[in-house]
Every structure is written in C-alpha cells, then in structure tokens.
Amino acid sequence: MAGFVTVQTVTAIGMSLALFVLLVNLVVFQYGRGVVRAAVDEGARAGSVAPAADTDCRRRADAVLSDLLSTAMRHGVQVRCTVAGGQMRATADVRFRGWLPLTPDWRFTSSAVAVKEAAP
C-alpha cells in the first residue's frame, strides 16, 4: 500500500516538471521572437542608408541574431533583404524547434521596412 503512494507522487512530479519545461519553452520562444524582430528592424535600418546595399542589411541582421540567440535557435532563422520601390525590406522566416518530443515547432515570419535614402 505504501508503494502505491510513491508511484502517484513520482507521476505527479514528472507531470509537473513536463509542464514547467513547456512553460519555459514558451518563454524562450517569446524571447526569440523579440530578438528576430529586433534583427529585422536593425537590418532594414542598416540597409536603408544611401551607400548601403542588401548585403549590409543581411550582415547587420545576422550580427544581431549572433549576439542574442543561441546557435541552436539561430539555425532556424533565415533572413533575406530586398530593395524595391525605394524601400529596404528585411524578412525573417523562423522555425524554433520544441524541446520535448510532443511539443510542436513554432513557425512565424517577421519583417521590417525602411525607406531607402537617395544617393547623393
């Protein structure tokens, strides 16, 4: 009879820890979303300066991602920069992998636009 309580306790603790990991995973995903948003904003700003090109936009966005995201999360982020209609557009397609086997991956797209300065 005493062993039965132990099984219940271990099961309850295991389920509580799994829920805790899921909540922490959600917090980390939210942090990653903020970092990606900051990266595309910085990239669009860097690429909108008159002599800059789309490579400058991409380089700046990658620098922000490298500074603020872990390598594992950074692998799920693809940034592209384009110039069209006098605007610099930075877009990131993101896939953050879930930490547990049954946790779904989180996918989203984030973009930023800045007006391209005219060349002097």
PDB file of N, CA and C in Angstrom:
ATOM      1  N   MET A   1       0.819  -1.193   0.000  1.00  0.00           N
ATOM      2  CA  MET A   1       0.000   0.000   0.000  1.00  0.00           C
ATOM      3  C   MET A   1       0.865   1.260   0.000  1.00  0.00           C
ATOM      4  N   ALA A   2       1.965   1.261   0.720  1.00  0.00           N
ATOM      5  CA  ALA A   2       2.828   2.445   0.783  1.00  0.00           C
ATOM      6  C   ALA A   2       3.521   2.690  -0.552  1.00  0.00           C
ATOM      7  N   GLY A   3       3.815   1.654  -1.321  1.00  0.00           N
ATOM      8  CA  GLY A   3       4.458   1.803  -2.616  1.00  0.00           C
ATOM      9  C   GLY A   3       3.570   2.484  -3.638  1.00  0.00           C
ATOM     10  N   PHE A   4       2.259   2.356  -3.496  1.00  0.00           N
ATOM     11  CA  PHE A   4       1.309   2.963  -4.409  1.00  0.00           C
ATOM     12  C   PHE A   4       1.362   4.491  -4.325  1.00  0.00           C
ATOM     13  N   VAL A   5       1.544   5.024  -3.143  1.00  0.00           N
ATOM     14  CA  VAL A   5       1.639   6.467  -2.961  1.00  0.00           C
ATOM     15  C   VAL A   5       2.910   6.977  -3.646  1.00  0.00           C
ATOM     16  N   THR A   6       3.984   6.210  -3.602  1.00  0.00           N
ATOM     17  CA  THR A   6       5.227   6.603  -4.238  1.00  0.00           C
ATOM     18  C   THR A   6       5.054   6.718  -5.750  1.00  0.00           C
ATOM     19  N   VAL A   7       4.361   5.801  -6.372  1.00  0.00           N
ATOM     20  CA  VAL A   7       4.124   5.849  -7.807  1.00  0.00           C
ATOM     21  C   VAL A   7       3.311   7.088  -8.170  1.00  0.00           C
ATOM     22  N   GLN A   8       2.286   7.384  -7.372  1.00  0.00           N
ATOM     23  CA  GLN A   8       1.483   8.578  -7.621  1.00  0.00           C
ATOM     24  C   GLN A   8       2.317   9.849  -7.480  1.00  0.00           C
ATOM     25  N   THR A   9       3.158   9.872  -6.482  1.00  0.00           N
ATOM     26  CA  THR A   9       3.989  11.052  -6.250  1.00  0.00           C
ATOM     27  C   THR A   9       4.977  11.252  -7.388  1.00  0.00           C
ATOM     28  N   VAL A  10       5.631  10.187  -7.811  1.00  0.00           N
ATOM     29  CA  VAL A  10       6.591  10.284  -8.904  1.00  0.00           C
ATOM     30  C   VAL A  10       5.888  10.718 -10.195  1.00  0.00           C
ATOM     31  N   THR A  11       4.709  10.193 -10.453  1.00  0.00           N
ATOM     32  CA  THR A  11       3.950  10.574 -11.640  1.00  0.00           C
ATOM     33  C   THR A  11       3.550  12.055 -11.581  1.00  0.00           C
ATOM     34  N   ALA A  12       3.080  12.497 -10.448  1.00  0.00           N
ATOM     35  CA  ALA A  12       2.678  13.899 -10.298  1.00  0.00           C
ATOM     36  C   ALA A  12       3.876  14.834 -10.461  1.00  0.00           C
ATOM     37  N   ILE A  13       5.004  14.472  -9.882  1.00  0.00           N
ATOM     38  CA  ILE A  13       6.211  15.303 -10.016  1.00  0.00           C
ATOM     39  C   ILE A  13       6.679  15.328 -11.469  1.00  0.00           C
ATOM     40  N   GLY A  14       6.658  14.181 -12.136  1.00  0.00           N
ATOM     41  CA  GLY A  14       7.058  14.117 -13.547  1.00  0.00           C
ATOM     42  C   GLY A  14       6.165  14.972 -14.434  1.00  0.00           C
ATOM     43  N   MET A  15       4.877  14.928 -14.207  1.00  0.00           N
ATOM     44  CA  MET A  15       3.959  15.745 -14.996  1.00  0.00           C
ATOM     45  C   MET A  15       4.154  17.233 -14.699  1.00  0.00           C
ATOM     46  N   SER A  16       4.423  17.559 -13.453  1.00  0.00           N
ATOM     47  CA  SER A  16       4.683  18.957 -13.085  1.00  0.00           C
ATOM     48  C   SER A  16       5.951  19.470 -13.754  1.00  0.00           C
ATOM     49  N   LEU A  17       6.977  18.650 -13.794  1.00  0.00           N
ATOM     50  CA  LEU A  17       8.226  19.060 -14.448  1.00  0.00           C
ATOM     51  C   LEU A  17       8.040  19.226 -15.953  1.00  0.00           C
ATOM     52  N   ALA A  18       7.263  18.336 -16.559  1.00  0.00           N
ATOM     53  CA  ALA A  18       6.998  18.464 -18.001  1.00  0.00           C
ATOM     54  C   ALA A  18       6.241  19.760 -18.286  1.00  0.00           C
ATOM     55  N   LEU A  19       5.264  20.105 -17.466  1.00  0.00           N
ATOM     56  CA  LEU A  19       4.533  21.360 -17.630  1.00  0.00           C
ATOM     57  C   LEU A  19       5.463  22.555 -17.445  1.00  0.00           C
ATOM     58  N   PHE A  20       6.344  22.473 -16.468  1.00  0.00           N
ATOM     59  CA  PHE A  20       7.307  23.555 -16.237  1.00  0.00           C
ATOM     60  C   PHE A  20       8.212  23.743 -17.460  1.00  0.00           C
ATOM     61  N   VAL A  21       8.692  22.656 -18.044  1.00  0.00           N
ATOM     62  CA  VAL A  21       9.547  22.734 -19.236  1.00  0.00           C
ATOM     63  C   VAL A  21       8.784  23.361 -20.399  1.00  0.00           C
ATOM     64  N   LEU A  22       7.519  23.005 -20.560  1.00  0.00           N
ATOM     65  CA  LEU A  22       6.713  23.595 -21.630  1.00  0.00           C
ATOM     66  C   LEU A  22       6.546  25.100 -21.432  1.00  0.00           C
ATOM     67  N   LEU A  23       6.333  25.530 -20.211  1.00  0.00           N
ATOM     68  CA  LEU A  23       6.199  26.961 -19.944  1.00  0.00           C
ATOM     69  C   LEU A  23       7.504  27.703 -20.185  1.00  0.00           C
ATOM     70  N   VAL A  24       8.617  27.122 -19.764  1.00  0.00           N
ATOM     71  CA  VAL A  24       9.919  27.752 -20.015  1.00  0.00           C
ATOM     72  C   VAL A  24      10.188  27.805 -21.514  1.00  0.00           C
ATOM     73  N   ASN A  25       9.819  26.745 -22.231  1.00  0.00           N
ATOM     74  CA  ASN A  25       9.979  26.720 -23.687  1.00  0.00           C
ATOM     75  C   ASN A  25       9.189  27.855 -24.332  1.00  0.00           C
ATOM     76  N   LEU A  26       7.989  28.115 -23.863  1.00  0.00           N
ATOM     77  CA  LEU A  26       7.177  29.214 -24.378  1.00  0.00           C
ATOM     78  C   LEU A  26       7.842  30.564 -24.118  1.00  0.00           C
ATOM     79  N   VAL A  27       8.410  30.742 -22.938  1.00  0.00           N
ATOM     80  CA  VAL A  27       9.112  31.987 -22.613  1.00  0.00           C
ATOM     81  C   VAL A  27      10.317  32.183 -23.528  1.00  0.00           C
ATOM     82  N   VAL A  28      11.054  31.121 -23.770  1.00  0.00           N
ATOM     83  CA  VAL A  28      12.219  31.204 -24.656  1.00  0.00           C
ATOM     84  C   VAL A  28      11.783  31.524 -26.086  1.00  0.00           C
ATOM     85  N   PHE A  29      10.688  30.935 -26.547  1.00  0.00           N
ATOM     86  CA  PHE A  29      10.163  31.260 -27.877  1.00  0.00           C
ATOM     87  C   PHE A  29       9.789  32.734 -27.974  1.00  0.00           C
ATOM     88  N   GLN A  30       9.172  33.273 -26.937  1.00  0.00           N
ATOM     89  CA  GLN A  30       8.809  34.695 -26.941  1.00  0.00           C
ATOM     90  C   GLN A  30      10.055  35.574 -26.988  1.00  0.00           C
ATOM     91  N   TYR A  31      11.079  35.196 -26.237  1.00  0.00           N
ATOM     92  CA  TYR A  31      12.346  35.929 -26.286  1.00  0.00           C
ATOM     93  C   TYR A  31      12.921  35.874 -27.712  1.00  0.00           C
ATOM     94  N   GLY A  32      12.930  34.685 -28.305  1.00  0.00           N
ATOM     95  CA  GLY A  32      13.445  34.531 -29.666  1.00  0.00           C
ATOM     96  C   GLY A  32      12.668  35.366 -30.667  1.00  0.00           C
ATOM     97  N   ARG A  33      11.365  35.464 -30.499  1.00  0.00           N
ATOM     98  CA  ARG A  33      10.558  36.292 -31.389  1.00  0.00           C
ATOM     99  C   ARG A  33      10.956  37.761 -31.285  1.00  0.00           C
ATOM    100  N   GLY A  34      11.221  38.218 -30.069  1.00  0.00           N
ATOM    101  CA  GLY A  34      11.671  39.595 -29.872  1.00  0.00           C
ATOM    102  C   GLY A  34      13.030  39.852 -30.497  1.00  0.00           C
ATOM    103  N   VAL A  35      13.925  38.886 -30.393  1.00  0.00           N
ATOM    104  CA  VAL A  35      15.253  39.019 -30.994  1.00  0.00           C
ATOM    105  C   VAL A  35      15.151  39.079 -32.513  1.00  0.00           C
ATOM    106  N   VAL A  36      14.327  38.226 -33.100  1.00  0.00           N
ATOM    107  CA  VAL A  36      14.153  38.230 -34.557  1.00  0.00           C
ATOM    108  C   VAL A  36      13.568  39.567 -35.011  1.00  0.00           C
ATOM    109  N   ARG A  37      12.612  40.079 -34.260  1.00  0.00           N
ATOM    110  CA  ARG A  37      12.017  41.374 -34.616  1.00  0.00           C
ATOM    111  C   ARG A  37      13.075  42.479 -34.560  1.00  0.00           C
ATOM    112  N   ALA A  38      13.906  42.461 -33.526  1.00  0.00           N
ATOM    113  CA  ALA A  38      14.977  43.458 -33.419  1.00  0.00           C
ATOM    114  C   ALA A  38      15.980  43.303 -34.559  1.00  0.00           C
ATOM    115  N   ALA A  39      16.274  42.067 -34.951  1.00  0.00           N
ATOM    116  CA  ALA A  39      17.245  41.822 -36.021  1.00  0.00           C
ATOM    117  C   ALA A  39      16.750  42.354 -37.362  1.00  0.00           C
ATOM    118  N   VAL A  40      15.481  42.117 -37.688  1.00  0.00           N
ATOM    119  CA  VAL A  40      14.988  42.620 -38.977  1.00  0.00           C
ATOM    120  C   VAL A  40      14.867  44.144 -38.952  1.00  0.00           C
ATOM    121  N   ASP A  41      14.516  44.715 -37.800  1.00  0.00           N
ATOM    122  CA  ASP A  41      14.487  46.182 -37.688  1.00  0.00           C
ATOM    123  C   ASP A  41      15.870  46.775 -37.917  1.00  0.00           C
ATOM    124  N   GLU A  42      16.863  46.215 -37.245  1.00  0.00           N
ATOM    125  CA  GLU A  42      18.239  46.702 -37.400  1.00  0.00           C
ATOM    126  C   GLU A  42      18.747  46.501 -38.821  1.00  0.00           C
ATOM    127  N   GLY A  43      18.417  45.369 -39.414  1.00  0.00           N
ATOM    128  CA  GLY A  43      18.844  45.101 -40.788  1.00  0.00           C
ATOM    129  C   GLY A  43      18.248  46.084 -41.770  1.00  0.00           C
ATOM    130  N   ALA A  44      16.960  46.342 -41.629  1.00  0.00           N
ATOM    131  CA  ALA A  44      16.304  47.290 -42.538  1.00  0.00           C
ATOM    132  C   ALA A  44      16.901  48.691 -42.374  1.00  0.00           C
ATOM    133  N   ARG A  45      17.175  49.088 -41.130  1.00  0.00           N
ATOM    134  CA  ARG A  45      17.782  50.405 -40.915  1.00  0.00           C
ATOM    135  C   ARG A  45      19.179  50.481 -41.517  1.00  0.00           C
ATOM    136  N   ALA A  46      19.967  49.436 -41.306  1.00  0.00           N
ATOM    137  CA  ALA A  46      21.341  49.439 -41.828  1.00  0.00           C
ATOM    138  C   ALA A  46      21.346  49.455 -43.353  1.00  0.00           C
ATOM    139  N   GLY A  47      20.409  48.778 -43.971  1.00  0.00           N
ATOM    140  CA  GLY A  47      20.356  48.731 -45.427  1.00  0.00           C
ATOM    141  C   GLY A  47      19.724  49.943 -46.068  1.00  0.00           C
ATOM    142  N   SER A  48      19.064  50.788 -45.286  1.00  0.00           N
ATOM    143  CA  SER A  48      18.378  51.944 -45.866  1.00  0.00           C
ATOM    144  C   SER A  48      19.291  53.156 -46.045  1.00  0.00           C
ATOM    145  N   VAL A  49      20.475  53.124 -45.466  1.00  0.00           N
ATOM    146  CA  VAL A  49      21.416  54.240 -45.619  1.00  0.00           C
ATOM    147  C   VAL A  49      21.878  54.290 -47.073  1.00  0.00           C
ATOM    148  N   ALA A  50      22.114  55.503 -47.593  1.00  0.00           N
ATOM    149  CA  ALA A  50      22.365  55.724 -49.020  1.00  0.00           C
ATOM    150  C   ALA A  50      23.396  54.795 -49.670  1.00  0.00           C
ATOM    151  N   PRO A  51      24.616  54.662 -49.172  1.00  0.00           N
ATOM    152  CA  PRO A  51      25.544  53.797 -49.902  1.00  0.00           C
ATOM    153  C   PRO A  51      25.375  52.305 -49.598  1.00  0.00           C
ATOM    154  N   ALA A  52      24.526  51.963 -48.656  1.00  0.00           N
ATOM    155  CA  ALA A  52      24.390  50.565 -48.239  1.00  0.00           C
ATOM    156  C   ALA A  52      23.604  49.758 -49.265  1.00  0.00           C
ATOM    157  N   ALA A  53      23.792  48.450 -49.198  1.00  0.00           N
ATOM    158  CA  ALA A  53      23.091  47.529 -50.100  1.00  0.00           C
ATOM    159  C   ALA A  53      22.378  46.471 -49.270  1.00  0.00           C
ATOM    160  N   ASP A  54      21.724  45.540 -49.955  1.00  0.00           N
ATOM    161  CA  ASP A  54      21.020  44.488 -49.236  1.00  0.00           C
ATOM    162  C   ASP A  54      21.967  43.585 -48.448  1.00  0.00           C
ATOM    163  N   THR A  55      23.225  43.495 -48.877  1.00  0.00           N
ATOM    164  CA  THR A  55      24.196  42.703 -48.117  1.00  0.00           C
ATOM    165  C   THR A  55      24.483  43.329 -46.758  1.00  0.00           C
ATOM    166  N   ASP A  56      24.451  44.664 -46.671  1.00  0.00           N
ATOM    167  CA  ASP A  56      24.640  45.339 -45.386  1.00  0.00           C
ATOM    168  C   ASP A  56      23.468  45.049 -44.449  1.00  0.00           C
ATOM    169  N   CYS A  57      22.285  45.012 -45.015  1.00  0.00           N
ATOM    170  CA  CYS A  57      21.091  44.676 -44.242  1.00  0.00           C
ATOM    171  C   CYS A  57      21.219  43.270 -43.667  1.00  0.00           C
ATOM    172  N   ARG A  58      21.566  42.340 -44.511  1.00  0.00           N
ATOM    173  CA  ARG A  58      21.703  40.940 -44.088  1.00  0.00           C
ATOM    174  C   ARG A  58      22.804  40.785 -43.041  1.00  0.00           C
ATOM    175  N   ARG A  59      23.932  41.454 -43.253  1.00  0.00           N
ATOM    176  CA  ARG A  59      25.054  41.369 -42.329  1.00  0.00           C
ATOM    177  C   ARG A  59      24.659  41.884 -40.939  1.00  0.00           C
ATOM    178  N   ARG A  60      23.933  43.009 -40.894  1.00  0.00           N
ATOM    179  CA  ARG A  60      23.531  43.587 -39.604  1.00  0.00           C
ATOM    180  C   ARG A  60      22.513  42.697 -38.899  1.00  0.00           C
ATOM    181  N   ALA A  61      21.560  42.156 -39.644  1.00  0.00           N
ATOM    182  CA  ALA A  61      20.571  41.258 -39.039  1.00  0.00           C
ATOM    183  C   ALA A  61      21.242  40.007 -38.487  1.00  0.00           C
ATOM    184  N   ASP A  62      22.190  39.446 -39.228  1.00  0.00           N
ATOM    185  CA  ASP A  62      22.920  38.268 -38.751  1.00  0.00           C
ATOM    186  C   ASP A  62      23.741  38.580 -37.503  1.00  0.00           C
ATOM    187  N   ALA A  63      24.301  39.784 -37.435  1.00  0.00           N
ATOM    188  CA  ALA A  63      25.089  40.181 -36.258  1.00  0.00           C
ATOM    189  C   ALA A  63      24.205  40.248 -35.012  1.00  0.00           C
ATOM    190  N   VAL A  64      23.007  40.796 -35.155  1.00  0.00           N
ATOM    191  CA  VAL A  64      22.091  40.867 -34.013  1.00  0.00           C
ATOM    192  C   VAL A  64      21.687  39.460 -33.582  1.00  0.00           C
ATOM    193  N   LEU A  65      21.371  38.613 -34.537  1.00  0.00           N
ATOM    194  CA  LEU A  65      20.999  37.238 -34.205  1.00  0.00           C
ATOM    195  C   LEU A  65      22.144  36.505 -33.515  1.00  0.00           C
ATOM    196  N   SER A  66      23.369  36.698 -34.002  1.00  0.00           N
ATOM    197  CA  SER A  66      24.528  36.034 -33.410  1.00  0.00           C
ATOM    198  C   SER A  66      24.780  36.501 -31.984  1.00  0.00           C
ATOM    199  N   ASP A  67      24.522  37.783 -31.736  1.00  0.00           N
ATOM    200  CA  ASP A  67      24.748  38.328 -30.398  1.00  0.00           C
ATOM    201  C   ASP A  67      23.714  37.852 -29.381  1.00  0.00           C
ATOM    202  N   LEU A  68      22.475  37.647 -29.814  1.00  0.00           N
ATOM    203  CA  LEU A  68      21.389  37.452 -28.861  1.00  0.00           C
ATOM    204  C   LEU A  68      20.745  36.071 -28.851  1.00  0.00           C
ATOM    205  N   LEU A  69      21.014  35.237 -29.851  1.00  0.00           N
ATOM    206  CA  LEU A  69      20.417  33.903 -29.889  1.00  0.00           C
ATOM    207  C   LEU A  69      21.470  32.820 -29.784  1.00  0.00           C
ATOM    208  N   SER A  70      21.072  31.694 -29.221  1.00  0.00           N
ATOM    209  CA  SER A  70      21.970  30.542 -29.181  1.00  0.00           C
ATOM    210  C   SER A  70      22.122  29.972 -30.585  1.00  0.00           C
ATOM    211  N   THR A  71      23.144  29.173 -30.768  1.00  0.00           N
ATOM    212  CA  THR A  71      23.405  28.579 -32.079  1.00  0.00           C
ATOM    213  C   THR A  71      22.235  27.711 -32.534  1.00  0.00           C
ATOM    214  N   ALA A  72      21.655  26.937 -31.625  1.00  0.00           N
ATOM    215  CA  ALA A  72      20.552  26.045 -31.992  1.00  0.00           C
ATOM    216  C   ALA A  72      19.341  26.836 -32.478  1.00  0.00           C
ATOM    217  N   MET A  73      19.013  27.916 -31.816  1.00  0.00           N
ATOM    218  CA  MET A  73      17.862  28.716 -32.255  1.00  0.00           C
ATOM    219  C   MET A  73      18.182  29.490 -33.522  1.00  0.00           C
ATOM    220  N   ARG A  74      19.410  29.953 -33.652  1.00  0.00           N
ATOM    221  CA  ARG A  74      19.815  30.747 -34.814  1.00  0.00           C
ATOM    222  C   ARG A  74      19.729  29.930 -36.102  1.00  0.00           C
ATOM    223  N   HIS A  75      19.931  28.617 -36.024  1.00  0.00           N
ATOM    224  CA  HIS A  75      19.848  27.774 -37.227  1.00  0.00           C
ATOM    225  C   HIS A  75      18.447  27.747 -37.821  1.00  0.00           C
ATOM    226  N   GLY A  76      17.438  28.068 -37.020  1.00  0.00           N
ATOM    227  CA  GLY A  76      16.081  28.069 -37.523  1.00  0.00           C
ATOM    228  C   GLY A  76      15.625  29.386 -38.113  1.00  0.00           C
ATOM    229  N   VAL A  77      16.540  30.354 -38.244  1.00  0.00           N
ATOM    230  CA  VAL A  77      16.174  31.686 -38.729  1.00  0.00           C
ATOM    231  C   VAL A  77      16.839  31.941 -40.079  1.00  0.00           C
ATOM    232  N   GLN A  78      16.034  32.265 -41.080  1.00  0.00           N
ATOM    233  CA  GLN A  78      16.531  32.606 -42.414  1.00  0.00           C
ATOM    234  C   GLN A  78      16.136  34.052 -42.720  1.00  0.00           C
ATOM    235  N   VAL A  79      17.142  34.918 -42.871  1.00  0.00           N
ATOM    236  CA  VAL A  79      16.886  36.336 -43.130  1.00  0.00           C
ATOM    237  C   VAL A  79      17.185  36.641 -44.590  1.00  0.00           C
ATOM    238  N   ARG A  80      16.302  37.423 -45.214  1.00  0.00           N
ATOM    239  CA  ARG A  80      16.574  37.900 -46.573  1.00  0.00           C
ATOM    240  C   ARG A  80      16.231  39.383 -46.626  1.00  0.00           C
ATOM    241  N   CYS A  81      16.981  40.107 -47.414  1.00  0.00           N
ATOM    242  CA  CYS A  81      16.796  41.547 -47.570  1.00  0.00           C
ATOM    243  C   CYS A  81      16.632  41.871 -49.056  1.00  0.00           C
ATOM    244  N   THR A  82      15.684  42.741 -49.349  1.00  0.00           N
ATOM    245  CA  THR A  82      15.445  43.142 -50.731  1.00  0.00           C
ATOM    246  C   THR A  82      15.198  44.644 -50.800  1.00  0.00           C
ATOM    247  N   VAL A  83      15.593  45.223 -51.934  1.00  0.00           N
ATOM    248  CA  VAL A  83      15.333  46.636 -52.202  1.00  0.00           C
ATOM    249  C   VAL A  83      14.323  46.699 -53.334  1.00  0.00           C
ATOM    250  N   ALA A  84      13.207  47.374 -53.079  1.00  0.00           N
ATOM    251  CA  ALA A  84      12.176  47.514 -54.116  1.00  0.00           C
ATOM    252  C   ALA A  84      11.353  48.760 -53.830  1.00  0.00           C
ATOM    253  N   GLY A  85      11.119  49.540 -54.865  1.00  0.00           N
ATOM    254  CA  GLY A  85      10.271  50.713 -54.735  1.00  0.00           C
ATOM    255  C   GLY A  85      10.777  51.739 -53.740  1.00  0.00           C
ATOM    256  N   GLY A  86      12.077  51.885 -53.641  1.00  0.00           N
ATOM    257  CA  GLY A  86      12.647  52.857 -52.714  1.00  0.00           C
ATOM    258  C   GLY A  86      12.580  52.439 -51.258  1.00  0.00           C
ATOM    259  N   GLN A  87      12.378  51.152 -51.013  1.00  0.00           N
ATOM    260  CA  GLN A  87      12.308  50.637 -49.648  1.00  0.00           C
ATOM    261  C   GLN A  87      13.255  49.462 -49.462  1.00  0.00           C
ATOM    262  N   MET A  88      13.812  49.367 -48.268  1.00  0.00           N
ATOM    263  CA  MET A  88      14.610  48.203 -47.880  1.00  0.00           C
ATOM    264  C   MET A  88      13.704  47.340 -47.008  1.00  0.00           C
ATOM    265  N   ARG A  89      13.498  46.102 -47.432  1.00  0.00           N
ATOM    266  CA  ARG A  89      12.643  45.179 -46.682  1.00  0.00           C
ATOM    267  C   ARG A  89      13.500  44.022 -46.173  1.00  0.00           C
ATOM    268  N   ALA A  90      13.459  43.814 -44.865  1.00  0.00           N
ATOM    269  CA  ALA A  90      14.135  42.677 -44.238  1.00  0.00           C
ATOM    270  C   ALA A  90      13.053  41.718 -43.744  1.00  0.00           C
ATOM    271  N   THR A  91      13.173  40.450 -44.126  1.00  0.00           N
ATOM    272  CA  THR A  91      12.188  39.441 -43.757  1.00  0.00           C
ATOM    273  C   THR A  91      12.907  38.233 -43.179  1.00  0.00           C
ATOM    274  N   ALA A  92      12.359  37.706 -42.099  1.00  0.00           N
ATOM    275  CA  ALA A  92      12.925  36.514 -41.465  1.00  0.00           C
ATOM    276  C   ALA A  92      11.856  35.430 -41.407  1.00  0.00           C
ATOM    277  N   ASP A  93      12.185  34.264 -41.945  1.00  0.00           N
ATOM    278  CA  ASP A  93      11.340  33.086 -41.805  1.00  0.00           C
ATOM    279  C   ASP A  93      11.943  32.254 -40.686  1.00  0.00           C
ATOM    280  N   VAL A  94      11.126  31.936 -39.684  1.00  0.00           N
ATOM    281  CA  VAL A  94      11.651  31.358 -38.450  1.00  0.00           C
ATOM    282  C   VAL A  94      10.971  30.038 -38.134  1.00  0.00           C
ATOM    283  N   ARG A  95      11.777  29.112 -37.645  1.00  0.00           N
ATOM    284  CA  ARG A  95      11.267  27.846 -37.114  1.00  0.00           C
ATOM    285  C   ARG A  95      12.081  27.517 -35.865  1.00  0.00           C
ATOM    286  N   PHE A  96      11.425  27.666 -34.714  1.00  0.00           N
ATOM    287  CA  PHE A  96      12.041  27.274 -33.454  1.00  0.00           C
ATOM    288  C   PHE A  96      11.535  25.881 -33.104  1.00  0.00           C
ATOM    289  N   ARG A  97      12.436  24.977 -32.835  1.00  0.00           N
ATOM    290  CA  ARG A  97      12.058  23.596 -32.515  1.00  0.00           C
ATOM    291  C   ARG A  97      11.649  23.475 -31.048  1.00  0.00           C
ATOM    292  N   GLY A  98      10.606  22.679 -30.819  1.00  0.00           N
ATOM    293  CA  GLY A  98      10.157  22.414 -29.455  1.00  0.00           C
ATOM    294  C   GLY A  98      11.173  21.560 -28.710  1.00  0.00           C
ATOM    295  N   TRP A  99      11.184  21.692 -27.403  1.00  0.00           N
ATOM    296  CA  TRP A  99      12.176  20.990 -26.592  1.00  0.00           C
ATOM    297  C   TRP A  99      11.784  19.549 -26.298  1.00  0.00           C
ATOM    298  N   LEU A 100      10.502  19.270 -26.224  1.00  0.00           N
ATOM    299  CA  LEU A 100      10.037  17.926 -25.915  1.00  0.00           C
ATOM    300  C   LEU A 100       9.483  17.282 -27.185  1.00  0.00           C
ATOM    301  N   PRO A 101       9.474  15.948 -27.237  1.00  0.00           N
ATOM    302  CA  PRO A 101       9.016  15.270 -28.461  1.00  0.00           C
ATOM    303  C   PRO A 101       7.606  15.643 -28.901  1.00  0.00           C
ATOM    304  N   LEU A 102       6.687  15.854 -27.988  1.00  0.00           N
ATOM    305  CA  LEU A 102       5.312  16.163 -28.369  1.00  0.00           C
ATOM    306  C   LEU A 102       5.049  17.661 -28.491  1.00  0.00           C
ATOM    307  N   THR A 103       6.058  18.472 -28.243  1.00  0.00           N
ATOM    308  CA  THR A 103       5.901  19.915 -28.354  1.00  0.00           C
ATOM    309  C   THR A 103       6.023  20.331 -29.817  1.00  0.00           C
ATOM    310  N   PRO A 104       5.052  21.059 -30.342  1.00  0.00           N
ATOM    311  CA  PRO A 104       5.146  21.480 -31.752  1.00  0.00           C
ATOM    312  C   PRO A 104       6.212  22.547 -31.942  1.00  0.00           C
ATOM    313  N   ASP A 105       6.758  22.582 -33.144  1.00  0.00           N
ATOM    314  CA  ASP A 105       7.685  23.656 -33.500  1.00  0.00           C
ATOM    315  C   ASP A 105       6.886  24.948 -33.658  1.00  0.00           C
ATOM    316  N   TRP A 106       7.581  26.059 -33.487  1.00  0.00           N
ATOM    317  CA  TRP A 106       6.923  27.360 -33.624  1.00  0.00           C
ATOM    318  C   TRP A 106       7.459  28.026 -34.870  1.00  0.00           C
ATOM    319  N   ARG A 107       6.587  28.315 -35.827  1.00  0.00           N
ATOM    320  CA  ARG A 107       6.971  28.941 -37.094  1.00  0.00           C
ATOM    321  C   ARG A 107       6.278  30.290 -37.215  1.00  0.00           C
ATOM    322  N   PHE A 108       7.035  31.271 -37.709  1.00  0.00           N
ATOM    323  CA  PHE A 108       6.457  32.582 -37.971  1.00  0.00           C
ATOM    324  C   PHE A 108       7.362  33.348 -38.917  1.00  0.00           C
ATOM    325  N   THR A 109       6.834  34.434 -39.447  1.00  0.00           N
ATOM    326  CA  THR A 109       7.588  35.328 -40.322  1.00  0.00           C
ATOM    327  C   THR A 109       7.534  36.719 -39.721  1.00  0.00           C
ATOM    328  N   SER A 110       8.661  37.388 -39.726  1.00  0.00           N
ATOM    329  CA  SER A 110       8.742  38.754 -39.218  1.00  0.00           C
ATOM    330  C   SER A 110       9.422  39.611 -40.281  1.00  0.00           C
ATOM    331  N   SER A 111       8.917  40.821 -40.483  1.00  0.00           N
ATOM    332  CA  SER A 111       9.530  41.682 -41.486  1.00  0.00           C
ATOM    333  C   SER A 111       9.534  43.127 -41.008  1.00  0.00           C
ATOM    334  N   ALA A 112      10.424  43.895 -41.597  1.00  0.00           N
ATOM    335  CA  ALA A 112      10.536  45.320 -41.313  1.00  0.00           C
ATOM    336  C   ALA A 112      10.866  46.043 -42.615  1.00  0.00           C
ATOM    337  N   VAL A 113      10.388  47.280 -42.719  1.00  0.00           N
ATOM    338  CA  VAL A 113      10.603  48.077 -43.919  1.00  0.00           C
ATOM    339  C   VAL A 113      11.154  49.428 -43.500  1.00  0.00           C
ATOM    340  N   ALA A 114      12.139  49.911 -44.254  1.00  0.00           N
ATOM    341  CA  ALA A 114      12.688  51.259 -44.044  1.00  0.00           C
ATOM    342  C   ALA A 114      12.815  51.938 -45.408  1.00  0.00           C
ATOM    343  N   VAL A 115      12.580  53.228 -45.421  1.00  0.00           N
ATOM    344  CA  VAL A 115      12.685  53.987 -46.668  1.00  0.00           C
ATOM    345  C   VAL A 115      14.162  54.119 -47.021  1.00  0.00           C
ATOM    346  N   LYS A 116      14.496  53.761 -48.243  1.00  0.00           N
ATOM    347  CA  LYS A 116      15.875  53.818 -48.727  1.00  0.00           C
ATOM    348  C   LYS A 116      16.247  55.273 -49.025  1.00  0.00           C
ATOM    349  N   GLU A 117      17.371  55.720 -48.471  1.00  0.00           N
ATOM    350  CA  GLU A 117      17.845  57.074 -48.749  1.00  0.00           C
ATOM    351  C   GLU A 117      18.303  57.199 -50.198  1.00  0.00           C
ATOM    352  N   ALA A 118      18.088  58.355 -50.757  1.00  0.00           N
ATOM    353  CA  ALA A 118      18.532  58.587 -52.129  1.00  0.00           C
ATOM    354  C   ALA A 118      20.042  58.830 -52.131  1.00  0.00           C
ATOM    355  N   ALA A 119      20.707  58.332 -53.153  1.00  0.00           N
ATOM    356  CA  ALA A 119      22.158  58.534 -53.278  1.00  0.00           C
ATOM    357  C   ALA A 119      22.437  60.015 -53.546  1.00  0.00           C
ATOM    358  N   PRO A 120      23.473  60.561 -52.894  1.00  0.00           N
ATOM    359  CA  PRO A 120      23.773  61.992 -53.088  1.00  0.00           C
ATOM    360  C   PRO A 120      24.316  62.283 -54.466  1.00  0.00           C
TER     361      PRO A 120
END
